[in-house]
C-alpha cells in the first residue's frame, strides 16, 4: 500500500510534532527548529539531528552523527522503518539520544 501525498505529509507532520513533544517534556537543553518541513534538533553538546521529508520517495530521512538513515512507513506496524536495517525510527532515536546526551527518552509515539 503506497502513501498518498497528503497522507505522507500528515504522517511526517505528526511524527515531527511527536519528536518535538518528547524533547519539550524532557529535561534536556535542546534547540528545536521546524522550518519548511525540516525538523532540526540541536543538543547542548552541539550534536544535531535533522529530520527531512523526501516527498518523491515517500520517505522520512534522518541525518545523525553516525550517518544518514532513510525510513519508509510500515502500515502494518504503524511505524517508520529503516529501508536498510529495518530498525524502527523510535528505536534509533532513543539510541542516539542515550549515546550523545546520556539520557533515556521514550519515542514510542512516533
PDB file of N, CA and C in Angstrom:
ATOM      1  N   UNK A   1       0.849  -1.189   0.000  1.00  0.00           N
ATOM      2  CA  UNK A   1       0.000   0.000   0.000  1.00  0.00           C
ATOM      3  C   UNK A   1       0.885   1.240   0.000  1.00  0.00           C
ATOM      4  N   UNK A   2       0.762   2.044  -1.028  1.00  0.00           N
ATOM      5  CA  UNK A   2       1.590   3.239  -1.096  1.00  0.00           C
ATOM      6  C   UNK A   2       0.865   4.415  -0.451  1.00  0.00           C
ATOM      7  N   UNK A   3       1.662   5.330   0.043  1.00  0.00           N
ATOM      8  CA  UNK A   3       1.112   6.511   0.704  1.00  0.00           C
ATOM      9  C   UNK A   3       0.696   7.546  -0.326  1.00  0.00           C
ATOM     10  N   UNK A   4      -0.444   8.162  -0.104  1.00  0.00           N
ATOM     11  CA  UNK A   4      -0.787   9.329  -0.914  1.00  0.00           C
ATOM     12  C   UNK A   4       0.077  10.488  -0.427  1.00  0.00           C
ATOM     13  N   UNK A   5       0.196  11.493  -1.235  1.00  0.00           N
ATOM     14  CA  UNK A   5       0.996  12.657  -0.852  1.00  0.00           C
ATOM     15  C   UNK A   5       0.455  13.287   0.430  1.00  0.00           C
ATOM     16  N   UNK A   6      -0.847  13.432   0.510  1.00  0.00           N
ATOM     17  CA  UNK A   6      -1.455  14.048   1.694  1.00  0.00           C
ATOM     18  C   UNK A   6      -1.206  13.206   2.946  1.00  0.00           C
ATOM     19  N   UNK A   7      -1.398  11.896   2.831  1.00  0.00           N
ATOM     20  CA  UNK A   7      -1.177  11.002   3.978  1.00  0.00           C
ATOM     21  C   UNK A   7       0.288  11.038   4.414  1.00  0.00           C
ATOM     22  N   UNK A   8       1.196  11.040   3.446  1.00  0.00           N
ATOM     23  CA  UNK A   8       2.618  11.114   3.739  1.00  0.00           C
ATOM     24  C   UNK A   8       2.930  12.378   4.551  1.00  0.00           C
ATOM     25  N   UNK A   9       2.451  13.521   4.090  1.00  0.00           N
ATOM     26  CA  UNK A   9       2.720  14.775   4.806  1.00  0.00           C
ATOM     27  C   UNK A   9       2.089  14.775   6.194  1.00  0.00           C
ATOM     28  N   UNK A  10       0.893  14.228   6.309  1.00  0.00           N
ATOM     29  CA  UNK A  10       0.248  14.131   7.629  1.00  0.00           C
ATOM     30  C   UNK A  10       1.079  13.278   8.584  1.00  0.00           C
ATOM     31  N   UNK A  11       1.583  12.145   8.093  1.00  0.00           N
ATOM     32  CA  UNK A  11       2.396  11.261   8.932  1.00  0.00           C
ATOM     33  C   UNK A  11       3.700  11.934   9.357  1.00  0.00           C
ATOM     34  N   UNK A  12       4.363  12.598   8.421  1.00  0.00           N
ATOM     35  CA  UNK A  12       5.622  13.276   8.760  1.00  0.00           C
ATOM     36  C   UNK A  12       5.363  14.414   9.734  1.00  0.00           C
ATOM     37  N   UNK A  13       4.325  15.195   9.490  1.00  0.00           N
ATOM     38  CA  UNK A  13       3.993  16.294  10.399  1.00  0.00           C
ATOM     39  C   UNK A  13       3.740  15.773  11.812  1.00  0.00           C
ATOM     40  N   UNK A  14       2.953  14.707  11.917  1.00  0.00           N
ATOM     41  CA  UNK A  14       2.639  14.132  13.227  1.00  0.00           C
ATOM     42  C   UNK A  14       3.894  13.573  13.890  1.00  0.00           C
ATOM     43  N   UNK A  15       4.738  12.916  13.115  1.00  0.00           N
ATOM     44  CA  UNK A  15       5.979  12.356  13.647  1.00  0.00           C
ATOM     45  C   UNK A  15       6.889  13.454  14.171  1.00  0.00           C
ATOM     46  N   UNK A  16       7.063  14.494  13.377  1.00  0.00           N
ATOM     47  CA  UNK A  16       7.922  15.603  13.813  1.00  0.00           C
ATOM     48  C   UNK A  16       7.356  16.279  15.056  1.00  0.00           C
ATOM     49  N   UNK A  17       6.044  16.443  15.120  1.00  0.00           N
ATOM     50  CA  UNK A  17       5.430  17.054  16.304  1.00  0.00           C
ATOM     51  C   UNK A  17       5.632  16.173  17.529  1.00  0.00           C
ATOM     52  N   UNK A  18       5.483  14.869  17.362  1.00  0.00           N
ATOM     53  CA  UNK A  18       5.691  13.953  18.484  1.00  0.00           C
ATOM     54  C   UNK A  18       7.137  13.978  18.963  1.00  0.00           C
ATOM     55  N   UNK A  19       8.088  14.082  18.036  1.00  0.00           N
ATOM     56  CA  UNK A  19       9.500  14.193  18.413  1.00  0.00           C
ATOM     57  C   UNK A  19       9.717  15.476  19.216  1.00  0.00           C
ATOM     58  N   UNK A  20       9.167  16.581  18.733  1.00  0.00           N
ATOM     59  CA  UNK A  20       9.281  17.852  19.459  1.00  0.00           C
ATOM     60  C   UNK A  20       8.676  17.729  20.851  1.00  0.00           C
ATOM     61  N   UNK A  21       7.522  17.082  20.964  1.00  0.00           N
ATOM     62  CA  UNK A  21       6.848  16.928  22.255  1.00  0.00           C
ATOM     63  C   UNK A  21       7.716  16.154  23.245  1.00  0.00           C
ATOM     64  N   UNK A  22       8.353  15.081  22.784  1.00  0.00           N
ATOM     65  CA  UNK A  22       9.218  14.299  23.670  1.00  0.00           C
ATOM     66  C   UNK A  22      10.354  15.173  24.205  1.00  0.00           C
ATOM     67  N   UNK A  23      10.972  15.939  23.343  1.00  0.00           N
ATOM     68  CA  UNK A  23      12.065  16.805  23.789  1.00  0.00           C
ATOM     69  C   UNK A  23      11.559  17.921  24.696  1.00  0.00           C
ATOM     70  N   UNK A  24      10.393  18.498  24.358  1.00  0.00           N
ATOM     71  CA  UNK A  24       9.826  19.561  25.196  1.00  0.00           C
ATOM     72  C   UNK A  24       9.523  19.069  26.608  1.00  0.00           C
ATOM     73  N   UNK A  25       9.103  17.805  26.727  1.00  0.00           N
ATOM     74  CA  UNK A  25       8.736  17.249  28.026  1.00  0.00           C
ATOM     75  C   UNK A  25       9.937  16.686  28.786  1.00  0.00           C
ATOM     76  N   UNK A  26      11.100  16.668  28.138  1.00  0.00           N
ATOM     77  CA  UNK A  26      12.306  16.139  28.792  1.00  0.00           C
ATOM     78  C   UNK A  26      13.039  17.279  29.506  1.00  0.00           C
ATOM     79  N   UNK A  27      14.056  16.890  30.258  1.00  0.00           N
ATOM     80  CA  UNK A  27      14.888  17.882  30.943  1.00  0.00           C
ATOM     81  C   UNK A  27      16.096  18.289  30.102  1.00  0.00           C
ATOM     82  N   UNK A  28      16.167  17.796  28.877  1.00  0.00           N
ATOM     83  CA  UNK A  28      17.308  18.114  28.020  1.00  0.00           C
ATOM     84  C   UNK A  28      17.242  19.562  27.542  1.00  0.00           C
ATOM     85  N   UNK A  29      18.420  20.159  27.430  1.00  0.00           N
ATOM     86  CA  UNK A  29      18.531  21.505  26.869  1.00  0.00           C
ATOM     87  C   UNK A  29      18.756  21.350  25.367  1.00  0.00           C
ATOM     88  N   UNK A  30      17.689  21.488  24.593  1.00  0.00           N
ATOM     89  CA  UNK A  30      17.775  21.337  23.147  1.00  0.00           C
ATOM     90  C   UNK A  30      17.152  22.543  22.462  1.00  0.00           C
ATOM     91  N   UNK A  31      17.640  22.811  21.272  1.00  0.00           N
ATOM     92  CA  UNK A  31      17.021  23.811  20.409  1.00  0.00           C
ATOM     93  C   UNK A  31      16.279  23.062  19.320  1.00  0.00           C
ATOM     94  N   UNK A  32      15.015  23.393  19.131  1.00  0.00           N
ATOM     95  CA  UNK A  32      14.188  22.771  18.109  1.00  0.00           C
ATOM     96  C   UNK A  32      13.806  23.815  17.083  1.00  0.00           C
ATOM     97  N   UNK A  33      14.003  23.468  15.817  1.00  0.00           N
ATOM     98  CA  UNK A  33      13.594  24.377  14.744  1.00  0.00           C
ATOM     99  C   UNK A  33      12.886  23.561  13.681  1.00  0.00           C
ATOM    100  N   UNK A  34      11.670  23.957  13.371  1.00  0.00           N
ATOM    101  CA  UNK A  34      10.908  23.286  12.326  1.00  0.00           C
ATOM    102  C   UNK A  34      10.599  24.322  11.257  1.00  0.00           C
ATOM    103  N   UNK A  35      11.254  24.158  10.115  1.00  0.00           N
ATOM    104  CA  UNK A  35      11.106  25.133   9.043  1.00  0.00           C
ATOM    105  C   UNK A  35      11.010  24.412   7.706  1.00  0.00           C
ATOM    106  N   UNK A  36      10.000  24.743   6.928  1.00  0.00           N
ATOM    107  CA  UNK A  36       9.794  24.179   5.598  1.00  0.00           C
ATOM    108  C   UNK A  36       9.792  22.651   5.624  1.00  0.00           C
ATOM    109  N   UNK A  37       9.216  22.083   6.677  1.00  0.00           N
ATOM    110  CA  UNK A  37       9.101  20.634   6.759  1.00  0.00           C
ATOM    111  C   UNK A  37      10.341  19.915   7.226  1.00  0.00           C
ATOM    112  N   UNK A  38      11.349  20.667   7.655  1.00  0.00           N
ATOM    113  CA  UNK A  38      12.586  20.074   8.167  1.00  0.00           C
ATOM    114  C   UNK A  38      12.688  20.383   9.660  1.00  0.00           C
ATOM    115  N   UNK A  39      12.814  19.336  10.468  1.00  0.00           N
ATOM    116  CA  UNK A  39      12.967  19.494  11.910  1.00  0.00           C
ATOM    117  C   UNK A  39      14.435  19.305  12.266  1.00  0.00           C
ATOM    118  N   UNK A  40      15.009  20.325  12.902  1.00  0.00           N
ATOM    119  CA  UNK A  40      16.390  20.254  13.366  1.00  0.00           C
ATOM    120  C   UNK A  40      16.384  20.265  14.885  1.00  0.00           C
ATOM    121  N   UNK A  41      17.066  19.279  15.466  1.00  0.00           N
ATOM    122  CA  UNK A  41      17.211  19.160  16.914  1.00  0.00           C
ATOM    123  C   UNK A  41      18.689  19.351  17.228  1.00  0.00           C
ATOM    124  N   UNK A  42      19.001  20.399  17.990  1.00  0.00           N
ATOM    125  CA  UNK A  42      20.384  20.655  18.379  1.00  0.00           C
ATOM    126  C   UNK A  42      20.529  20.400  19.874  1.00  0.00           C
ATOM    127  N   UNK A  43      21.373  19.432  20.185  1.00  0.00           N
ATOM    128  CA  UNK A  43      21.628  19.100  21.584  1.00  0.00           C
ATOM    129  C   UNK A  43      22.624  20.083  22.181  1.00  0.00           C
ATOM    130  N   UNK A  44      22.650  20.128  23.492  1.00  0.00           N
ATOM    131  CA  UNK A  44      23.521  21.048  24.224  1.00  0.00           C
ATOM    132  C   UNK A  44      24.996  20.870  23.850  1.00  0.00           C
ATOM    133  N   UNK A  45      25.397  19.650  23.519  1.00  0.00           N
ATOM    134  CA  UNK A  45      26.798  19.369  23.199  1.00  0.00           C
ATOM    135  C   UNK A  45      27.155  19.655  21.745  1.00  0.00           C
ATOM    136  N   UNK A  46      26.226  20.246  20.996  1.00  0.00           N
ATOM    137  CA  UNK A  46      26.499  20.620  19.614  1.00  0.00           C
ATOM    138  C   UNK A  46      26.066  19.596  18.579  1.00  0.00           C
ATOM    139  N   UNK A  47      25.648  18.428  19.021  1.00  0.00           N
ATOM    140  CA  UNK A  47      25.175  17.392  18.099  1.00  0.00           C
ATOM    141  C   UNK A  47      23.834  17.818  17.505  1.00  0.00           C
ATOM    142  N   UNK A  48      23.676  17.615  16.202  1.00  0.00           N
ATOM    143  CA  UNK A  48      22.411  17.936  15.542  1.00  0.00           C
ATOM    144  C   UNK A  48      21.804  16.698  14.908  1.00  0.00           C
ATOM    145  N   UNK A  49      20.493  16.656  14.954  1.00  0.00           N
ATOM    146  CA  UNK A  49      19.705  15.644  14.250  1.00  0.00           C
ATOM    147  C   UNK A  49      18.786  16.396  13.304  1.00  0.00           C
ATOM    148  N   UNK A  50      18.735  15.954  12.063  1.00  0.00           N
ATOM    149  CA  UNK A  50      17.910  16.643  11.075  1.00  0.00           C
ATOM    150  C   UNK A  50      16.948  15.637  10.459  1.00  0.00           C
ATOM    151  N   UNK A  51      15.664  15.940  10.580  1.00  0.00           N
ATOM    152  CA  UNK A  51      14.608  15.104  10.031  1.00  0.00           C
ATOM    153  C   UNK A  51      14.011  15.829   8.831  1.00  0.00           C
ATOM    154  N   UNK A  52      14.113  15.212   7.672  1.00  0.00           N
ATOM    155  CA  UNK A  52      13.573  15.848   6.469  1.00  0.00           C
ATOM    156  C   UNK A  52      12.704  14.869   5.689  1.00  0.00           C
ATOM    157  N   UNK A  53      11.745  15.427   5.001  1.00  0.00           N
ATOM    158  CA  UNK A  53      10.833  14.601   4.214  1.00  0.00           C
ATOM    159  C   UNK A  53      11.345  14.543   2.775  1.00  0.00           C
ATOM    160  N   UNK A  54      11.297  13.364   2.222  1.00  0.00           N
ATOM    161  CA  UNK A  54      11.664  13.156   0.826  1.00  0.00           C
ATOM    162  C   UNK A  54      10.400  12.727   0.094  1.00  0.00           C
ATOM    163  N   UNK A  55       9.677  13.737  -0.363  1.00  0.00           N
ATOM    164  CA  UNK A  55       8.347  13.511  -0.922  1.00  0.00           C
ATOM    165  C   UNK A  55       8.331  12.539  -2.101  1.00  0.00           C
ATOM    166  N   UNK A  56       9.229  12.661  -3.084  1.00  0.00           N
ATOM    167  CA  UNK A  56       9.148  11.731  -4.225  1.00  0.00           C
ATOM    168  C   UNK A  56       9.291  10.265  -3.813  1.00  0.00           C
ATOM    169  N   UNK A  57      10.069  10.004  -2.764  1.00  0.00           N
ATOM    170  CA  UNK A  57      10.294   8.638  -2.303  1.00  0.00           C
ATOM    171  C   UNK A  57       9.330   8.235  -1.187  1.00  0.00           C
ATOM    172  N   UNK A  58       8.576   9.204  -0.678  1.00  0.00           N
ATOM    173  CA  UNK A  58       7.684   8.991   0.468  1.00  0.00           C
ATOM    174  C   UNK A  58       8.473   8.448   1.662  1.00  0.00           C
ATOM    175  N   UNK A  59       9.646   9.065   1.887  1.00  0.00           N
ATOM    176  CA  UNK A  59      10.497   8.650   2.999  1.00  0.00           C
ATOM    177  C   UNK A  59      10.749   9.814   3.947  1.00  0.00           C
ATOM    178  N   UNK A  60      11.019   9.459   5.190  1.00  0.00           N
ATOM    179  CA  UNK A  60      11.477  10.398   6.206  1.00  0.00           C
ATOM    180  C   UNK A  60      12.955  10.105   6.405  1.00  0.00           C
ATOM    181  N   UNK A  61      13.787  11.131   6.222  1.00  0.00           N
ATOM    182  CA  UNK A  61      15.233  10.948   6.340  1.00  0.00           C
ATOM    183  C   UNK A  61      15.722  11.543   7.644  1.00  0.00           C
ATOM    184  N   UNK A  62      16.695  10.866   8.237  1.00  0.00           N
ATOM    185  CA  UNK A  62      17.341  11.322   9.463  1.00  0.00           C
ATOM    186  C   UNK A  62      18.829  11.457   9.205  1.00  0.00           C
ATOM    187  N   UNK A  63      19.348  12.658   9.407  1.00  0.00           N
ATOM    188  CA  UNK A  63      20.795  12.889   9.380  1.00  0.00           C
ATOM    189  C   UNK A  63      21.235  12.949  10.833  1.00  0.00           C
ATOM    190  N   UNK A  64      22.156  12.045  11.191  1.00  0.00           N
ATOM    191  CA  UNK A  64      22.619  11.907  12.575  1.00  0.00           C
ATOM    192  C   UNK A  64      24.143  11.876  12.575  1.00  0.00           C
ATOM    193  N   UNK A  65      24.759  11.989  13.763  1.00  0.00           N
ATOM    194  CA  UNK A  65      26.225  11.983  13.832  1.00  0.00           C
ATOM    195  C   UNK A  65      26.858  10.731  13.215  1.00  0.00           C
ATOM    196  N   UNK A  66      26.166   9.617  13.268  1.00  0.00           N
ATOM    197  CA  UNK A  66      26.753   8.376  12.753  1.00  0.00           C
ATOM    198  C   UNK A  66      26.294   8.027  11.337  1.00  0.00           C
ATOM    199  N   UNK A  67      25.597   8.940  10.670  1.00  0.00           N
ATOM    200  CA  UNK A  67      25.219   8.693   9.284  1.00  0.00           C
ATOM    201  C   UNK A  67      23.821   9.160   8.952  1.00  0.00           C
ATOM    202  N   UNK A  68      23.401   8.790   7.756  1.00  0.00           N
ATOM    203  CA  UNK A  68      22.068   9.140   7.286  1.00  0.00           C
ATOM    204  C   UNK A  68      21.208   7.901   7.182  1.00  0.00           C
ATOM    205  N   UNK A  69      19.939   8.059   7.499  1.00  0.00           N
ATOM    206  CA  UNK A  69      19.002   6.935   7.522  1.00  0.00           C
ATOM    207  C   UNK A  69      17.738   7.319   6.784  1.00  0.00           C
ATOM    208  N   UNK A  70      17.211   6.368   6.025  1.00  0.00           N
ATOM    209  CA  UNK A  70      16.005   6.588   5.239  1.00  0.00           C
ATOM    210  C   UNK A  70      14.918   5.658   5.759  1.00  0.00           C
ATOM    211  N   UNK A  71      13.770   6.239   6.093  1.00  0.00           N
ATOM    212  CA  UNK A  71      12.676   5.478   6.704  1.00  0.00           C
ATOM    213  C   UNK A  71      11.440   5.472   5.815  1.00  0.00           C
ATOM    214  N   UNK A  72      10.903   4.267   5.640  1.00  0.00           N
ATOM    215  CA  UNK A  72       9.625   4.071   4.961  1.00  0.00           C
ATOM    216  C   UNK A  72       8.570   3.827   6.032  1.00  0.00           C
ATOM    217  N   UNK A  73       7.350   4.235   5.737  1.00  0.00           N
ATOM    218  CA  UNK A  73       6.286   3.994   6.701  1.00  0.00           C
ATOM    219  C   UNK A  73       5.754   2.579   6.535  1.00  0.00           C
ATOM    220  N   UNK A  74       5.755   1.825   7.629  1.00  0.00           N
ATOM    221  CA  UNK A  74       5.242   0.449   7.640  1.00  0.00           C
ATOM    222  C   UNK A  74       3.807   0.499   8.163  1.00  0.00           C
ATOM    223  N   UNK A  75       2.868   0.271   7.269  1.00  0.00           N
ATOM    224  CA  UNK A  75       1.450   0.352   7.637  1.00  0.00           C
ATOM    225  C   UNK A  75       1.055  -0.697   8.668  1.00  0.00           C
ATOM    226  N   UNK A  76       1.628  -1.890   8.552  1.00  0.00           N
ATOM    227  CA  UNK A  76       1.266  -2.977   9.473  1.00  0.00           C
ATOM    228  C   UNK A  76       1.663  -2.653  10.906  1.00  0.00           C
ATOM    229  N   UNK A  77       2.823  -2.039  11.072  1.00  0.00           N
ATOM    230  CA  UNK A  77       3.314  -1.713  12.414  1.00  0.00           C
ATOM    231  C   UNK A  77       3.028  -0.270  12.814  1.00  0.00           C
ATOM    232  N   UNK A  78       2.534   0.524  11.870  1.00  0.00           N
ATOM    233  CA  UNK A  78       2.297   1.962  12.101  1.00  0.00           C
ATOM    234  C   UNK A  78       3.556   2.630  12.650  1.00  0.00           C
ATOM    235  N   UNK A  79       4.677   2.324  11.994  1.00  0.00           N
ATOM    236  CA  UNK A  79       5.985   2.838  12.418  1.00  0.00           C
ATOM    237  C   UNK A  79       6.821   3.175  11.187  1.00  0.00           C
ATOM    238  N   UNK A  80       7.784   4.068  11.388  1.00  0.00           N
ATOM    239  CA  UNK A  80       8.776   4.353  10.356  1.00  0.00           C
ATOM    240  C   UNK A  80       9.899   3.325  10.502  1.00  0.00           C
ATOM    241  N   UNK A  81      10.219   2.637   9.407  1.00  0.00           N
ATOM    242  CA  UNK A  81      11.206   1.555   9.422  1.00  0.00           C
ATOM    243  C   UNK A  81      12.333   1.876   8.437  1.00  0.00           C
ATOM    244  N   UNK A  82      13.581   1.696   8.882  1.00  0.00           N
ATOM    245  CA  UNK A  82      14.748   1.970   8.046  1.00  0.00           C
ATOM    246  C   UNK A  82      14.735   1.059   6.817  1.00  0.00           C
ATOM    247  N   UNK A  83      14.996   1.646   5.655  1.00  0.00           N
ATOM    248  CA  UNK A  83      14.952   0.853   4.426  1.00  0.00           C
ATOM    249  C   UNK A  83      16.149  -0.084   4.275  1.00  0.00           C
ATOM    250  N   UNK A  84      17.189   0.081   5.085  1.00  0.00           N
ATOM    251  CA  UNK A  84      18.370  -0.788   5.012  1.00  0.00           C
ATOM    252  C   UNK A  84      18.406  -1.827   6.135  1.00  0.00           C
ATOM    253  N   UNK A  85      18.070  -1.407   7.352  1.00  0.00           N
ATOM    254  CA  UNK A  85      18.246  -2.290   8.512  1.00  0.00           C
ATOM    255  C   UNK A  85      16.939  -2.780   9.134  1.00  0.00           C
ATOM    256  N   UNK A  86      15.812  -2.212   8.742  1.00  0.00           N
ATOM    257  CA  UNK A  86      14.505  -2.489   9.354  1.00  0.00           C
ATOM    258  C   UNK A  86      14.400  -1.980  10.791  1.00  0.00           C
ATOM    259  N   UNK A  87      15.419  -1.253  11.279  1.00  0.00           N
ATOM    260  CA  UNK A  87      15.334  -0.666  12.622  1.00  0.00           C
ATOM    261  C   UNK A  87      14.270   0.428  12.605  1.00  0.00           C
ATOM    262  N   UNK A  88      13.470   0.477  13.649  1.00  0.00           N
ATOM    263  CA  UNK A  88      12.421   1.485  13.747  1.00  0.00           C
ATOM    264  C   UNK A  88      13.019   2.833  14.133  1.00  0.00           C
ATOM    265  N   UNK A  89      12.403   3.895  13.631  1.00  0.00           N
ATOM    266  CA  UNK A  89      12.879   5.249  13.906  1.00  0.00           C
ATOM    267  C   UNK A  89      12.906   5.532  15.401  1.00  0.00           C
ATOM    268  N   UNK A  90      11.871   5.120  16.128  1.00  0.00           N
ATOM    269  CA  UNK A  90      11.847   5.404  17.565  1.00  0.00           C
ATOM    270  C   UNK A  90      12.996   4.716  18.298  1.00  0.00           C
ATOM    271  N   UNK A  91      13.371   3.513  17.855  1.00  0.00           N
ATOM    272  CA  UNK A  91      14.494   2.806  18.473  1.00  0.00           C
ATOM    273  C   UNK A  91      15.817   3.502  18.168  1.00  0.00           C
ATOM    274  N   UNK A  92      15.998   3.891  16.916  1.00  0.00           N
ATOM    275  CA  UNK A  92      17.242   4.573  16.518  1.00  0.00           C
ATOM    276  C   UNK A  92      17.382   5.894  17.270  1.00  0.00           C
ATOM    277  N   UNK A  93      16.312   6.636  17.345  1.00  0.00           N
ATOM    278  CA  UNK A  93      16.349   7.933  18.012  1.00  0.00           C
ATOM    279  C   UNK A  93      16.662   7.786  19.499  1.00  0.00           C
ATOM    280  N   UNK A  94      16.080   6.804  20.151  1.00  0.00           N
ATOM    281  CA  UNK A  94      16.365   6.556  21.570  1.00  0.00           C
ATOM    282  C   UNK A  94      17.838   6.214  21.767  1.00  0.00           C
ATOM    283  N   UNK A  95      18.414   5.410  20.870  1.00  0.00           N
ATOM    284  CA  UNK A  95      19.836   5.052  20.957  1.00  0.00           C
ATOM    285  C   UNK A  95      20.736   6.271  20.776  1.00  0.00           C
ATOM    286  N   UNK A  96      20.398   7.102  19.805  1.00  0.00           N
ATOM    287  CA  UNK A  96      21.206   8.301  19.541  1.00  0.00           C
ATOM    288  C   UNK A  96      21.203   9.219  20.760  1.00  0.00           C
ATOM    289  N   UNK A  97      20.037   9.457  21.348  1.00  0.00           N
ATOM    290  CA  UNK A  97      19.941  10.360  22.495  1.00  0.00           C
ATOM    291  C   UNK A  97      20.665   9.767  23.698  1.00  0.00           C
ATOM    292  N   UNK A  98      20.545   8.479  23.916  1.00  0.00           N
ATOM    293  CA  UNK A  98      21.259   7.844  25.022  1.00  0.00           C
ATOM    294  C   UNK A  98      22.768   7.975  24.826  1.00  0.00           C
ATOM    295  N   UNK A  99      23.237   7.745  23.614  1.00  0.00           N
ATOM    296  CA  UNK A  99      24.670   7.821  23.312  1.00  0.00           C
ATOM    297  C   UNK A  99      25.210   9.242  23.435  1.00  0.00           C
ATOM    298  N   UNK A 100      24.500  10.219  22.882  1.00  0.00           N
ATOM    299  CA  UNK A 100      25.029  11.574  22.779  1.00  0.00           C
ATOM    300  C   UNK A 100      24.571  12.534  23.867  1.00  0.00           C
ATOM    301  N   UNK A 101      23.516  12.170  24.601  1.00  0.00           N
ATOM    302  CA  UNK A 101      23.038  13.048  25.667  1.00  0.00           C
ATOM    303  C   UNK A 101      23.016  12.335  27.017  1.00  0.00           C
ATOM    304  N   UNK A 102      23.216  11.026  27.004  1.00  0.00           N
ATOM    305  CA  UNK A 102      23.255  10.272  28.251  1.00  0.00           C
ATOM    306  C   UNK A 102      21.917  10.151  28.949  1.00  0.00           C
ATOM    307  N   UNK A 103      20.847  10.338  28.196  1.00  0.00           N
ATOM    308  CA  UNK A 103      19.500  10.301  28.774  1.00  0.00           C
ATOM    309  C   UNK A 103      18.656   9.292  28.004  1.00  0.00           C
ATOM    310  N   UNK A 104      17.873   8.510  28.726  1.00  0.00           N
ATOM    311  CA  UNK A 104      16.960   7.563  28.096  1.00  0.00           C
ATOM    312  C   UNK A 104      15.606   8.238  27.891  1.00  0.00           C
ATOM    313  N   UNK A 105      15.263   8.467  26.636  1.00  0.00           N
ATOM    314  CA  UNK A 105      13.959   9.031  26.308  1.00  0.00           C
ATOM    315  C   UNK A 105      13.153   7.991  25.545  1.00  0.00           C
ATOM    316  N   UNK A 106      11.837   8.039  25.717  1.00  0.00           N
ATOM    317  CA  UNK A 106      10.933   7.114  25.026  1.00  0.00           C
ATOM    318  C   UNK A 106      10.290   7.857  23.862  1.00  0.00           C
ATOM    319  N   UNK A 107      10.444   7.298  22.689  1.00  0.00           N
ATOM    320  CA  UNK A 107       9.840   7.871  21.470  1.00  0.00           C
ATOM    321  C   UNK A 107       8.779   6.930  20.923  1.00  0.00           C
ATOM    322  N   UNK A 108       7.988   6.337  21.796  1.00  0.00           N
ATOM    323  CA  UNK A 108       7.039   5.313  21.398  1.00  0.00           C
ATOM    324  C   UNK A 108       5.921   5.843  20.500  1.00  0.00           C
ATOM    325  N   UNK A 109       5.647   7.125  20.554  1.00  0.00           N
ATOM    326  CA  UNK A 109       4.515   7.666  19.813  1.00  0.00           C
ATOM    327  C   UNK A 109       4.866   8.123  18.394  1.00  0.00           C
ATOM    328  N   UNK A 110       6.116   7.863  17.967  1.00  0.00           N
ATOM    329  CA  UNK A 110       6.466   8.357  16.627  1.00  0.00           C
ATOM    330  C   UNK A 110       6.389   7.276  15.582  1.00  0.00           C
TER     331      UNK A 110
END
